[in-house]
């Protein structure tokens, strides 16, 4: 691969990030996270299928390490008993680029069958989707084209979802005044643990 081809991919990814719509829905999402997790002592339950699910798993661990209890719930396993992880003060964060992922649509129905008032944040590239319309808070990715030459493999879409997750994490950290000392309590080992203790 030439330097020019690499540069083109980087530019496409960067452009997609800069084209993420900036709306008041981020503030509303952070309000829900703070209210349900920090005020009501629930947890953030993140779900997605396939590549979006892998981004969701990373997002859950990042929230945990920065003071917001979160777990990843596999949407298929939810149908086989794992839905029992949900509690009435929890908050769902669902991720799907297409907005048509069957397992995620079914998860909404299942979750609301258990707790009809459970709030839901949806990250998707499809503002006309059932999921977007069912959400209490809807975050649009901007629906970027994939850098995959077939425009099929989740590449740019998952990059954008990662960045959107970072916005929610950082916004929540700021709202709860999360400190290096608190970070250190959650990171006993490794470089980051050492670093957090040195500044905390």
N, C-alpha and C. Protein backbone atom coordinates (compact mmCIF):
# COMPACT_ATOMS: atom_id res chain seq x y z
N UNK A 1 0.85 -1.19 0.00
CA UNK A 1 0.00 0.00 0.00
C UNK A 1 0.89 1.25 0.00
N UNK A 2 0.58 2.19 -0.87
CA UNK A 2 1.40 3.40 -1.00
C UNK A 2 1.10 4.38 0.13
N UNK A 3 2.02 5.34 0.30
CA UNK A 3 1.81 6.38 1.30
C UNK A 3 0.55 7.17 0.99
N UNK A 4 0.30 7.39 -0.30
CA UNK A 4 -0.88 8.16 -0.71
C UNK A 4 -2.17 7.42 -0.33
N UNK A 5 -2.18 6.11 -0.50
CA UNK A 5 -3.37 5.34 -0.15
C UNK A 5 -3.61 5.37 1.36
N UNK A 6 -2.53 5.25 2.12
CA UNK A 6 -2.65 5.31 3.57
C UNK A 6 -3.17 6.69 4.00
N UNK A 7 -2.61 7.72 3.39
CA UNK A 7 -3.03 9.09 3.71
C UNK A 7 -4.51 9.31 3.39
N UNK A 8 -4.97 8.73 2.30
CA UNK A 8 -6.38 8.86 1.91
C UNK A 8 -7.30 8.22 2.95
N UNK A 9 -6.91 7.04 3.41
CA UNK A 9 -7.72 6.36 4.44
C UNK A 9 -7.77 7.19 5.71
N UNK A 10 -6.62 7.72 6.12
CA UNK A 10 -6.58 8.55 7.33
C UNK A 10 -7.47 9.79 7.17
N UNK A 11 -7.42 10.38 6.01
CA UNK A 11 -8.25 11.57 5.77
C UNK A 11 -9.74 11.23 5.80
N UNK A 12 -10.10 10.07 5.22
CA UNK A 12 -11.51 9.66 5.23
C UNK A 12 -12.01 9.41 6.65
N UNK A 13 -11.17 8.75 7.45
CA UNK A 13 -11.56 8.47 8.83
C UNK A 13 -11.68 9.77 9.63
N UNK A 14 -10.70 10.66 9.44
CA UNK A 14 -10.72 11.93 10.16
C UNK A 14 -11.94 12.77 9.77
N UNK A 15 -12.27 12.79 8.50
CA UNK A 15 -13.43 13.55 8.01
C UNK A 15 -14.71 13.00 8.62
N UNK A 16 -14.81 11.67 8.71
CA UNK A 16 -16.01 11.05 9.30
C UNK A 16 -16.18 11.46 10.76
N UNK A 17 -15.06 11.50 11.49
CA UNK A 17 -15.11 11.92 12.89
C UNK A 17 -15.59 13.37 13.00
N UNK A 18 -15.05 14.23 12.16
CA UNK A 18 -15.41 15.65 12.21
C UNK A 18 -16.84 15.90 11.74
N UNK A 19 -17.41 14.94 11.03
CA UNK A 19 -18.79 15.08 10.54
C UNK A 19 -19.82 14.46 11.48
N UNK A 20 -19.39 13.96 12.64
CA UNK A 20 -20.36 13.46 13.62
C UNK A 20 -21.25 14.64 14.03
N UNK A 21 -22.56 14.50 13.91
CA UNK A 21 -23.44 15.62 14.29
C UNK A 21 -23.31 15.96 15.77
N UNK A 22 -23.09 17.23 16.06
CA UNK A 22 -22.98 17.70 17.44
C UNK A 22 -24.34 18.29 17.84
N UNK A 23 -25.02 17.61 18.76
CA UNK A 23 -26.36 18.03 19.17
C UNK A 23 -26.48 18.00 20.69
N UNK A 24 -27.61 18.52 21.17
CA UNK A 24 -27.87 18.49 22.62
C UNK A 24 -28.20 17.10 23.12
N UNK A 25 -28.28 16.13 22.20
CA UNK A 25 -28.55 14.75 22.62
C UNK A 25 -27.41 14.19 23.46
N UNK A 26 -26.19 14.70 23.27
CA UNK A 26 -25.07 14.24 24.09
C UNK A 26 -25.27 14.65 25.55
N UNK A 27 -25.71 15.89 25.75
CA UNK A 27 -25.99 16.35 27.11
C UNK A 27 -27.09 15.52 27.74
N UNK A 28 -28.12 15.22 26.97
CA UNK A 28 -29.23 14.41 27.47
C UNK A 28 -28.76 12.99 27.82
N UNK A 29 -27.87 12.44 26.98
CA UNK A 29 -27.34 11.10 27.26
C UNK A 29 -26.53 11.10 28.56
N UNK A 30 -25.70 12.11 28.73
CA UNK A 30 -24.88 12.20 29.95
C UNK A 30 -25.78 12.43 31.17
N UNK A 31 -26.84 13.22 31.00
CA UNK A 31 -27.81 13.40 32.09
C UNK A 31 -28.39 12.06 32.52
N UNK A 32 -28.75 11.22 31.55
CA UNK A 32 -29.31 9.90 31.87
C UNK A 32 -28.29 9.03 32.59
N UNK A 33 -27.05 9.06 32.11
CA UNK A 33 -25.99 8.25 32.73
C UNK A 33 -25.78 8.67 34.18
N UNK A 34 -25.67 9.96 34.41
CA UNK A 34 -25.45 10.46 35.77
C UNK A 34 -26.66 10.14 36.65
N UNK A 35 -27.86 10.36 36.13
CA UNK A 35 -29.07 10.13 36.91
C UNK A 35 -29.25 8.66 37.29
N UNK A 36 -29.14 7.78 36.30
CA UNK A 36 -29.42 6.36 36.57
C UNK A 36 -28.29 5.64 37.27
N UNK A 37 -27.06 5.95 36.91
CA UNK A 37 -25.94 5.21 37.47
C UNK A 37 -25.43 5.86 38.77
N UNK A 38 -25.27 7.17 38.75
CA UNK A 38 -24.65 7.82 39.91
C UNK A 38 -25.65 8.27 40.96
N UNK A 39 -26.84 8.66 40.54
CA UNK A 39 -27.85 9.09 41.51
C UNK A 39 -28.72 7.94 41.99
N UNK A 40 -29.12 7.07 41.07
CA UNK A 40 -30.02 5.97 41.42
C UNK A 40 -29.29 4.65 41.66
N UNK A 41 -27.96 4.66 41.46
CA UNK A 41 -27.11 3.49 41.71
C UNK A 41 -27.46 2.29 40.83
N UNK A 42 -27.82 2.57 39.58
CA UNK A 42 -27.99 1.51 38.60
C UNK A 42 -26.67 1.27 37.88
N UNK A 43 -26.74 0.67 36.71
CA UNK A 43 -25.53 0.46 35.91
C UNK A 43 -25.85 0.70 34.44
N UNK A 44 -24.82 0.98 33.67
CA UNK A 44 -24.95 1.19 32.24
C UNK A 44 -24.79 -0.16 31.55
N UNK A 45 -25.81 -0.58 30.82
CA UNK A 45 -25.79 -1.86 30.12
C UNK A 45 -25.68 -1.56 28.62
N UNK A 46 -24.55 -1.95 28.05
CA UNK A 46 -24.24 -1.64 26.66
C UNK A 46 -24.40 -2.90 25.82
N UNK A 47 -25.01 -2.75 24.64
CA UNK A 47 -25.21 -3.91 23.78
C UNK A 47 -25.05 -3.54 22.31
N UNK A 48 -24.54 -4.47 21.55
CA UNK A 48 -24.39 -4.32 20.11
C UNK A 48 -24.04 -5.68 19.54
N UNK A 49 -24.29 -5.85 18.27
CA UNK A 49 -24.04 -7.13 17.60
C UNK A 49 -22.82 -7.00 16.69
N UNK A 50 -22.03 -8.03 16.60
CA UNK A 50 -20.90 -8.02 15.68
C UNK A 50 -19.85 -6.99 16.06
N UNK A 51 -19.36 -6.25 15.05
CA UNK A 51 -18.29 -5.27 15.28
C UNK A 51 -18.74 -4.16 16.22
N UNK A 52 -20.00 -3.73 16.09
CA UNK A 52 -20.52 -2.71 17.00
C UNK A 52 -20.49 -3.22 18.44
N UNK A 53 -20.76 -4.50 18.60
CA UNK A 53 -20.71 -5.10 19.93
C UNK A 53 -19.31 -5.08 20.51
N UNK A 54 -18.31 -5.28 19.67
CA UNK A 54 -16.93 -5.23 20.15
C UNK A 54 -16.56 -3.82 20.61
N UNK A 55 -17.06 -2.82 19.90
CA UNK A 55 -16.86 -1.44 20.34
C UNK A 55 -17.58 -1.23 21.67
N UNK A 56 -18.77 -1.81 21.80
CA UNK A 56 -19.53 -1.70 23.04
C UNK A 56 -18.81 -2.32 24.22
N UNK A 57 -18.14 -3.45 23.99
CA UNK A 57 -17.38 -4.09 25.07
C UNK A 57 -16.26 -3.17 25.55
N UNK A 58 -15.57 -2.56 24.62
CA UNK A 58 -14.49 -1.64 24.98
C UNK A 58 -15.05 -0.43 25.73
N UNK A 59 -16.19 0.06 25.26
CA UNK A 59 -16.82 1.22 25.89
C UNK A 59 -17.19 0.90 27.34
N UNK A 60 -17.72 -0.31 27.57
CA UNK A 60 -18.12 -0.70 28.93
C UNK A 60 -16.91 -0.71 29.86
N UNK A 61 -15.78 -1.24 29.41
CA UNK A 61 -14.60 -1.28 30.27
C UNK A 61 -14.04 0.11 30.53
N UNK A 62 -14.17 1.00 29.54
CA UNK A 62 -13.70 2.37 29.72
C UNK A 62 -14.56 3.11 30.73
N UNK A 63 -15.87 2.93 30.65
CA UNK A 63 -16.75 3.53 31.65
C UNK A 63 -16.41 3.01 33.04
N UNK A 64 -16.21 1.69 33.17
CA UNK A 64 -15.89 1.11 34.48
C UNK A 64 -14.64 1.72 35.07
N UNK A 65 -13.62 1.88 34.26
CA UNK A 65 -12.35 2.37 34.76
C UNK A 65 -12.39 3.85 35.11
N UNK A 66 -13.44 4.54 34.66
CA UNK A 66 -13.55 5.98 34.95
C UNK A 66 -14.74 6.28 35.86
N UNK A 67 -15.13 5.28 36.66
CA UNK A 67 -16.06 5.53 37.74
C UNK A 67 -17.52 5.31 37.47
N UNK A 68 -17.87 4.80 36.29
CA UNK A 68 -19.27 4.56 35.95
C UNK A 68 -19.47 3.06 35.71
N UNK A 69 -20.10 2.35 36.66
CA UNK A 69 -20.30 0.91 36.50
C UNK A 69 -21.05 0.58 35.21
N UNK A 70 -20.46 -0.29 34.40
CA UNK A 70 -21.04 -0.64 33.10
C UNK A 70 -20.72 -2.10 32.78
N UNK A 71 -21.60 -2.72 32.04
CA UNK A 71 -21.35 -4.08 31.56
C UNK A 71 -21.76 -4.17 30.09
N UNK A 72 -21.23 -5.19 29.42
CA UNK A 72 -21.68 -5.48 28.06
C UNK A 72 -22.64 -6.66 28.11
N UNK A 73 -23.78 -6.52 27.48
CA UNK A 73 -24.77 -7.58 27.38
C UNK A 73 -24.88 -8.01 25.93
N UNK A 74 -24.50 -9.26 25.64
CA UNK A 74 -24.61 -9.75 24.26
C UNK A 74 -26.09 -9.89 23.92
N UNK A 75 -26.54 -9.30 22.81
CA UNK A 75 -27.97 -9.31 22.51
C UNK A 75 -28.56 -10.69 22.27
N UNK A 76 -27.76 -11.61 21.75
CA UNK A 76 -28.27 -12.98 21.55
C UNK A 76 -28.34 -13.73 22.87
N UNK A 77 -27.30 -13.60 23.70
CA UNK A 77 -27.30 -14.26 25.00
C UNK A 77 -28.40 -13.71 25.90
N UNK A 78 -28.80 -12.46 25.67
CA UNK A 78 -29.89 -11.87 26.45
C UNK A 78 -31.16 -12.69 26.31
N UNK A 79 -31.34 -13.31 25.13
CA UNK A 79 -32.53 -14.09 24.88
C UNK A 79 -32.48 -15.47 25.53
N UNK A 80 -31.34 -15.80 26.11
CA UNK A 80 -31.17 -17.11 26.74
C UNK A 80 -30.84 -16.98 28.22
N UNK A 81 -31.40 -15.93 28.83
CA UNK A 81 -31.28 -15.79 30.27
C UNK A 81 -30.44 -14.64 30.76
N UNK A 82 -29.49 -14.15 29.92
CA UNK A 82 -28.62 -13.07 30.40
C UNK A 82 -29.35 -11.75 30.59
N UNK A 83 -30.58 -11.65 30.07
CA UNK A 83 -31.39 -10.46 30.30
C UNK A 83 -31.59 -10.23 31.80
N UNK A 84 -31.45 -11.28 32.58
CA UNK A 84 -31.62 -11.19 34.03
C UNK A 84 -30.63 -10.26 34.71
N UNK A 85 -29.60 -9.81 33.98
CA UNK A 85 -28.64 -8.86 34.55
C UNK A 85 -29.28 -7.50 34.76
N UNK A 86 -30.37 -7.23 34.03
CA UNK A 86 -31.02 -5.92 34.12
C UNK A 86 -31.71 -5.72 35.46
N UNK A 87 -31.61 -4.49 35.96
CA UNK A 87 -32.33 -4.07 37.16
C UNK A 87 -33.10 -2.79 36.83
N UNK A 88 -34.03 -2.44 37.71
CA UNK A 88 -34.96 -1.37 37.34
C UNK A 88 -34.32 0.01 37.25
N UNK A 89 -33.15 0.21 37.84
CA UNK A 89 -32.49 1.52 37.76
C UNK A 89 -31.44 1.59 36.66
N UNK A 90 -31.33 0.54 35.86
CA UNK A 90 -30.30 0.50 34.83
C UNK A 90 -30.66 1.38 33.63
N UNK A 91 -29.66 1.56 32.78
CA UNK A 91 -29.79 2.36 31.56
C UNK A 91 -29.19 1.55 30.42
N UNK A 92 -29.92 1.45 29.31
CA UNK A 92 -29.43 0.72 28.14
C UNK A 92 -28.77 1.66 27.14
N UNK A 93 -27.63 1.26 26.62
CA UNK A 93 -26.97 1.96 25.51
C UNK A 93 -26.80 0.95 24.39
N UNK A 94 -27.53 1.15 23.30
CA UNK A 94 -27.56 0.18 22.19
C UNK A 94 -26.87 0.77 20.97
N UNK A 95 -26.08 -0.07 20.30
CA UNK A 95 -25.29 0.39 19.17
C UNK A 95 -25.55 -0.47 17.94
N UNK A 96 -25.91 0.18 16.84
CA UNK A 96 -26.09 -0.51 15.57
C UNK A 96 -25.97 0.49 14.44
N UNK A 97 -25.07 0.26 13.52
CA UNK A 97 -24.88 1.20 12.42
C UNK A 97 -26.10 1.27 11.52
N UNK A 98 -26.67 0.12 11.19
CA UNK A 98 -27.80 0.08 10.26
C UNK A 98 -29.10 0.53 10.89
N UNK A 99 -29.20 0.37 12.22
CA UNK A 99 -30.46 0.65 12.90
C UNK A 99 -31.50 -0.42 12.67
N UNK A 100 -31.11 -1.49 11.99
CA UNK A 100 -32.07 -2.56 11.67
C UNK A 100 -31.64 -3.91 12.24
N UNK A 101 -30.65 -3.93 13.10
CA UNK A 101 -30.14 -5.19 13.64
C UNK A 101 -31.24 -5.90 14.44
N UNK A 102 -31.63 -7.07 13.97
CA UNK A 102 -32.78 -7.78 14.55
C UNK A 102 -32.62 -8.02 16.04
N UNK A 103 -31.44 -8.47 16.45
CA UNK A 103 -31.22 -8.81 17.85
C UNK A 103 -31.34 -7.59 18.76
N UNK A 104 -30.96 -6.42 18.26
CA UNK A 104 -31.04 -5.21 19.06
C UNK A 104 -32.49 -4.73 19.16
N UNK A 105 -33.22 -4.81 18.05
CA UNK A 105 -34.64 -4.46 18.07
C UNK A 105 -35.39 -5.36 19.05
N UNK A 106 -35.07 -6.65 19.02
CA UNK A 106 -35.71 -7.59 19.93
C UNK A 106 -35.32 -7.31 21.38
N UNK A 107 -34.08 -6.87 21.60
CA UNK A 107 -33.62 -6.58 22.95
C UNK A 107 -34.43 -5.45 23.58
N UNK A 108 -34.79 -4.46 22.79
CA UNK A 108 -35.62 -3.37 23.32
C UNK A 108 -36.94 -3.92 23.84
N UNK A 109 -37.58 -4.77 23.04
CA UNK A 109 -38.86 -5.34 23.45
C UNK A 109 -38.71 -6.19 24.70
N UNK A 110 -37.65 -6.97 24.75
CA UNK A 110 -37.42 -7.83 25.91
C UNK A 110 -37.14 -7.02 27.17
N UNK A 111 -36.30 -5.99 27.03
CA UNK A 111 -35.95 -5.16 28.18
C UNK A 111 -37.17 -4.41 28.71
N UNK A 112 -37.98 -3.90 27.79
CA UNK A 112 -39.17 -3.17 28.23
C UNK A 112 -40.26 -4.10 28.71
N UNK A 113 -40.18 -5.37 28.34
CA UNK A 113 -41.09 -6.35 28.91
C UNK A 113 -40.77 -6.60 30.37
N UNK A 114 -39.49 -6.44 30.71
CA UNK A 114 -39.04 -6.64 32.08
C UNK A 114 -39.21 -5.36 32.90
N UNK A 115 -38.76 -4.25 32.30
CA UNK A 115 -38.85 -2.94 32.96
C UNK A 115 -39.36 -1.92 31.93
N UNK A 116 -40.66 -1.69 31.88
CA UNK A 116 -41.26 -0.84 30.84
C UNK A 116 -40.70 0.57 30.76
N UNK A 117 -40.18 1.08 31.89
CA UNK A 117 -39.71 2.46 31.90
C UNK A 117 -38.19 2.59 31.73
N UNK A 118 -37.51 1.49 31.42
CA UNK A 118 -36.05 1.56 31.30
C UNK A 118 -35.66 2.54 30.19
N UNK A 119 -34.80 3.51 30.49
CA UNK A 119 -34.40 4.47 29.46
C UNK A 119 -33.37 3.86 28.51
N UNK A 120 -33.40 4.33 27.26
CA UNK A 120 -32.55 3.75 26.23
C UNK A 120 -31.86 4.85 25.42
N UNK A 121 -30.54 4.72 25.32
CA UNK A 121 -29.74 5.56 24.42
C UNK A 121 -29.38 4.70 23.21
N UNK A 122 -29.54 5.23 22.02
CA UNK A 122 -29.20 4.49 20.80
C UNK A 122 -28.17 5.27 20.00
N UNK A 123 -27.11 4.58 19.59
CA UNK A 123 -26.12 5.12 18.64
C UNK A 123 -26.32 4.38 17.33
N UNK A 124 -26.63 5.12 16.27
CA UNK A 124 -26.89 4.49 14.98
C UNK A 124 -26.61 5.46 13.83
N UNK A 125 -26.47 4.91 12.65
CA UNK A 125 -26.28 5.73 11.46
C UNK A 125 -27.58 5.95 10.71
N UNK A 126 -28.69 5.44 11.24
CA UNK A 126 -29.97 5.48 10.54
C UNK A 126 -31.01 6.22 11.38
N UNK A 127 -31.21 7.51 11.07
CA UNK A 127 -32.12 8.32 11.88
C UNK A 127 -33.59 7.96 11.65
N UNK A 128 -33.88 7.20 10.60
CA UNK A 128 -35.26 6.80 10.32
C UNK A 128 -35.57 5.41 10.87
N UNK A 129 -34.64 4.80 11.55
CA UNK A 129 -34.80 3.43 12.00
C UNK A 129 -35.77 3.31 13.17
N UNK A 130 -36.27 2.10 13.34
CA UNK A 130 -37.13 1.79 14.49
C UNK A 130 -36.40 2.10 15.78
N UNK A 131 -35.12 1.77 15.84
CA UNK A 131 -34.33 1.98 17.05
C UNK A 131 -34.22 3.46 17.40
N UNK A 132 -33.99 4.29 16.38
CA UNK A 132 -33.88 5.73 16.62
C UNK A 132 -35.19 6.26 17.19
N UNK A 133 -36.30 5.76 16.68
CA UNK A 133 -37.61 6.24 17.12
C UNK A 133 -38.00 5.70 18.50
N UNK A 134 -37.44 4.56 18.88
CA UNK A 134 -37.73 3.97 20.19
C UNK A 134 -36.88 4.57 21.30
N UNK A 135 -35.80 5.24 20.92
CA UNK A 135 -34.81 5.72 21.90
C UNK A 135 -35.30 6.92 22.70
N UNK A 136 -34.90 6.97 23.95
CA UNK A 136 -35.10 8.18 24.74
C UNK A 136 -34.09 9.25 24.31
N UNK A 137 -32.89 8.79 23.96
CA UNK A 137 -31.85 9.67 23.43
C UNK A 137 -31.26 8.99 22.19
N UNK A 138 -31.14 9.75 21.11
CA UNK A 138 -30.68 9.20 19.85
C UNK A 138 -29.44 9.96 19.38
N UNK A 139 -28.33 9.23 19.23
CA UNK A 139 -27.08 9.82 18.78
C UNK A 139 -26.75 9.31 17.38
N UNK A 140 -26.70 10.22 16.43
CA UNK A 140 -26.46 9.86 15.03
C UNK A 140 -24.98 9.88 14.71
N UNK A 141 -24.52 8.83 14.05
CA UNK A 141 -23.10 8.73 13.69
C UNK A 141 -22.71 9.63 12.53
N UNK A 142 -23.70 10.06 11.75
CA UNK A 142 -23.41 10.77 10.51
C UNK A 142 -23.42 9.83 9.32
N UNK A 143 -23.58 8.53 9.61
CA UNK A 143 -23.67 7.50 8.57
C UNK A 143 -22.55 7.59 7.53
N UNK A 144 -21.30 7.55 7.97
CA UNK A 144 -20.20 7.67 7.01
C UNK A 144 -20.05 6.42 6.15
N UNK A 145 -19.53 6.60 4.94
CA UNK A 145 -19.17 5.45 4.13
C UNK A 145 -17.97 4.75 4.74
N UNK A 146 -17.90 3.44 4.56
CA UNK A 146 -16.78 2.68 5.11
C UNK A 146 -15.54 2.85 4.23
N UNK A 147 -14.36 2.86 4.85
CA UNK A 147 -13.13 2.90 4.05
C UNK A 147 -12.85 1.55 3.41
N UNK A 148 -13.52 0.52 3.88
CA UNK A 148 -13.44 -0.79 3.22
C UNK A 148 -13.74 -0.61 1.73
N UNK A 149 -12.90 -1.13 0.83
CA UNK A 149 -13.11 -0.92 -0.61
C UNK A 149 -14.44 -1.47 -1.12
N UNK A 150 -15.04 -2.37 -0.37
CA UNK A 150 -16.35 -2.91 -0.74
C UNK A 150 -17.49 -2.09 -0.13
N UNK A 151 -17.14 -1.15 0.75
CA UNK A 151 -18.12 -0.38 1.53
C UNK A 151 -19.05 -1.31 2.31
N UNK A 152 -18.47 -2.39 2.84
CA UNK A 152 -19.25 -3.38 3.59
C UNK A 152 -18.71 -3.60 5.00
N UNK A 153 -17.41 -3.87 5.10
CA UNK A 153 -16.82 -4.18 6.41
C UNK A 153 -16.89 -2.98 7.33
N UNK A 154 -17.43 -3.15 8.56
CA UNK A 154 -17.45 -2.03 9.51
C UNK A 154 -16.02 -1.55 9.81
N UNK A 155 -15.72 -0.38 9.37
CA UNK A 155 -14.40 0.22 9.57
C UNK A 155 -14.60 1.65 10.06
N UNK A 156 -14.98 2.53 9.17
CA UNK A 156 -15.22 3.92 9.56
C UNK A 156 -16.37 4.03 10.55
N UNK A 157 -17.40 3.24 10.37
CA UNK A 157 -18.56 3.31 11.28
C UNK A 157 -18.17 2.95 12.71
N UNK A 158 -17.28 1.98 12.86
CA UNK A 158 -16.86 1.61 14.22
C UNK A 158 -15.87 2.63 14.80
N UNK A 159 -15.08 3.26 13.93
CA UNK A 159 -14.21 4.35 14.38
C UNK A 159 -15.06 5.47 14.98
N UNK A 160 -16.11 5.83 14.27
CA UNK A 160 -17.00 6.91 14.71
C UNK A 160 -17.69 6.54 16.03
N UNK A 161 -18.16 5.29 16.13
CA UNK A 161 -18.80 4.85 17.38
C UNK A 161 -17.84 4.92 18.56
N UNK A 162 -16.58 4.57 18.31
CA UNK A 162 -15.57 4.65 19.37
C UNK A 162 -15.42 6.07 19.87
N UNK A 163 -15.35 7.01 18.95
CA UNK A 163 -15.19 8.42 19.31
C UNK A 163 -16.43 8.92 20.06
N UNK A 164 -17.61 8.51 19.61
CA UNK A 164 -18.84 8.92 20.29
C UNK A 164 -18.88 8.39 21.72
N UNK A 165 -18.39 7.17 21.90
CA UNK A 165 -18.27 6.62 23.25
C UNK A 165 -17.31 7.43 24.10
N UNK A 166 -16.21 7.87 23.50
CA UNK A 166 -15.25 8.69 24.23
C UNK A 166 -15.89 10.00 24.69
N UNK A 167 -16.73 10.58 23.84
CA UNK A 167 -17.42 11.82 24.22
C UNK A 167 -18.29 11.58 25.45
N UNK A 168 -19.01 10.47 25.47
CA UNK A 168 -19.88 10.16 26.60
C UNK A 168 -19.06 9.89 27.87
N UNK A 169 -17.95 9.17 27.71
CA UNK A 169 -17.09 8.88 28.86
C UNK A 169 -16.51 10.17 29.45
N UNK A 170 -15.93 11.00 28.61
CA UNK A 170 -15.29 12.23 29.09
C UNK A 170 -16.34 13.17 29.68
N UNK A 171 -17.49 13.28 29.01
CA UNK A 171 -18.55 14.13 29.53
C UNK A 171 -19.03 13.68 30.90
N UNK A 172 -19.14 12.36 31.08
CA UNK A 172 -19.57 11.82 32.36
C UNK A 172 -18.50 12.05 33.42
N UNK A 173 -17.24 11.84 33.08
CA UNK A 173 -16.14 12.08 34.02
C UNK A 173 -16.17 13.52 34.53
N UNK A 174 -16.40 14.45 33.60
CA UNK A 174 -16.45 15.86 34.00
C UNK A 174 -17.63 16.13 34.93
N UNK A 175 -18.77 15.53 34.63
CA UNK A 175 -19.98 15.77 35.43
C UNK A 175 -19.85 15.22 36.86
N UNK A 176 -19.16 14.08 37.00
CA UNK A 176 -19.04 13.47 38.33
C UNK A 176 -17.74 13.88 39.03
N UNK A 177 -16.98 14.76 38.37
CA UNK A 177 -15.72 15.27 38.94
C UNK A 177 -14.78 14.11 39.30
N UNK A 178 -14.59 13.23 38.33
CA UNK A 178 -13.75 12.05 38.54
C UNK A 178 -12.28 12.45 38.60
N UNK A 179 -11.58 12.03 39.66
CA UNK A 179 -10.21 12.46 39.92
C UNK A 179 -9.20 11.34 39.66
N UNK A 180 -7.94 11.73 39.61
CA UNK A 180 -6.85 10.75 39.47
C UNK A 180 -6.82 9.82 40.66
N UNK A 181 -7.17 10.33 41.85
CA UNK A 181 -7.20 9.49 43.04
C UNK A 181 -8.25 8.39 42.91
N UNK A 182 -9.40 8.75 42.36
CA UNK A 182 -10.45 7.75 42.13
C UNK A 182 -10.02 6.77 41.04
N UNK A 183 -9.34 7.27 40.04
CA UNK A 183 -8.82 6.40 38.97
C UNK A 183 -7.87 5.37 39.56
N UNK A 184 -7.00 5.83 40.46
CA UNK A 184 -6.00 4.94 41.05
C UNK A 184 -6.65 3.80 41.84
N UNK A 185 -7.79 4.07 42.47
CA UNK A 185 -8.49 3.03 43.23
C UNK A 185 -8.95 1.89 42.33
N UNK A 186 -9.13 2.18 41.06
CA UNK A 186 -9.63 1.18 40.11
C UNK A 186 -8.52 0.59 39.26
N UNK A 187 -7.29 1.09 39.44
CA UNK A 187 -6.15 0.61 38.64
C UNK A 187 -4.99 0.30 39.59
N UNK A 188 -5.00 -0.90 40.14
CA UNK A 188 -3.94 -1.24 41.09
C UNK A 188 -2.61 -1.49 40.38
N UNK A 189 -2.68 -2.14 39.21
CA UNK A 189 -1.44 -2.53 38.54
C UNK A 189 -1.19 -1.76 37.26
N UNK A 190 -0.01 -1.95 36.71
CA UNK A 190 0.32 -1.41 35.40
C UNK A 190 0.76 0.03 35.42
N UNK A 191 1.13 0.48 34.23
CA UNK A 191 1.64 1.85 34.06
C UNK A 191 0.61 2.89 34.46
N UNK A 192 -0.66 2.69 34.02
CA UNK A 192 -1.68 3.70 34.33
C UNK A 192 -1.96 3.76 35.83
N UNK A 193 -1.89 2.63 36.50
CA UNK A 193 -2.04 2.64 37.95
C UNK A 193 -0.96 3.45 38.62
N UNK A 194 0.28 3.22 38.20
CA UNK A 194 1.41 3.98 38.75
C UNK A 194 1.26 5.47 38.46
N UNK A 195 0.88 5.77 37.23
CA UNK A 195 0.76 7.18 36.83
C UNK A 195 -0.33 7.89 37.60
N UNK A 196 -1.48 7.21 37.78
CA UNK A 196 -2.60 7.84 38.49
C UNK A 196 -2.26 8.09 39.95
N UNK A 197 -1.49 7.19 40.55
CA UNK A 197 -1.10 7.39 41.95
C UNK A 197 -0.09 8.54 42.09
N UNK A 198 0.70 8.75 41.07
CA UNK A 198 1.70 9.80 41.15
C UNK A 198 1.10 11.19 41.02
N UNK A 199 -0.07 11.29 40.33
CA UNK A 199 -0.70 12.60 40.16
C UNK A 199 -1.86 12.79 41.12
N UNK A 200 -2.35 11.66 41.73
CA UNK A 200 -3.50 11.74 42.62
C UNK A 200 -3.09 12.06 44.02
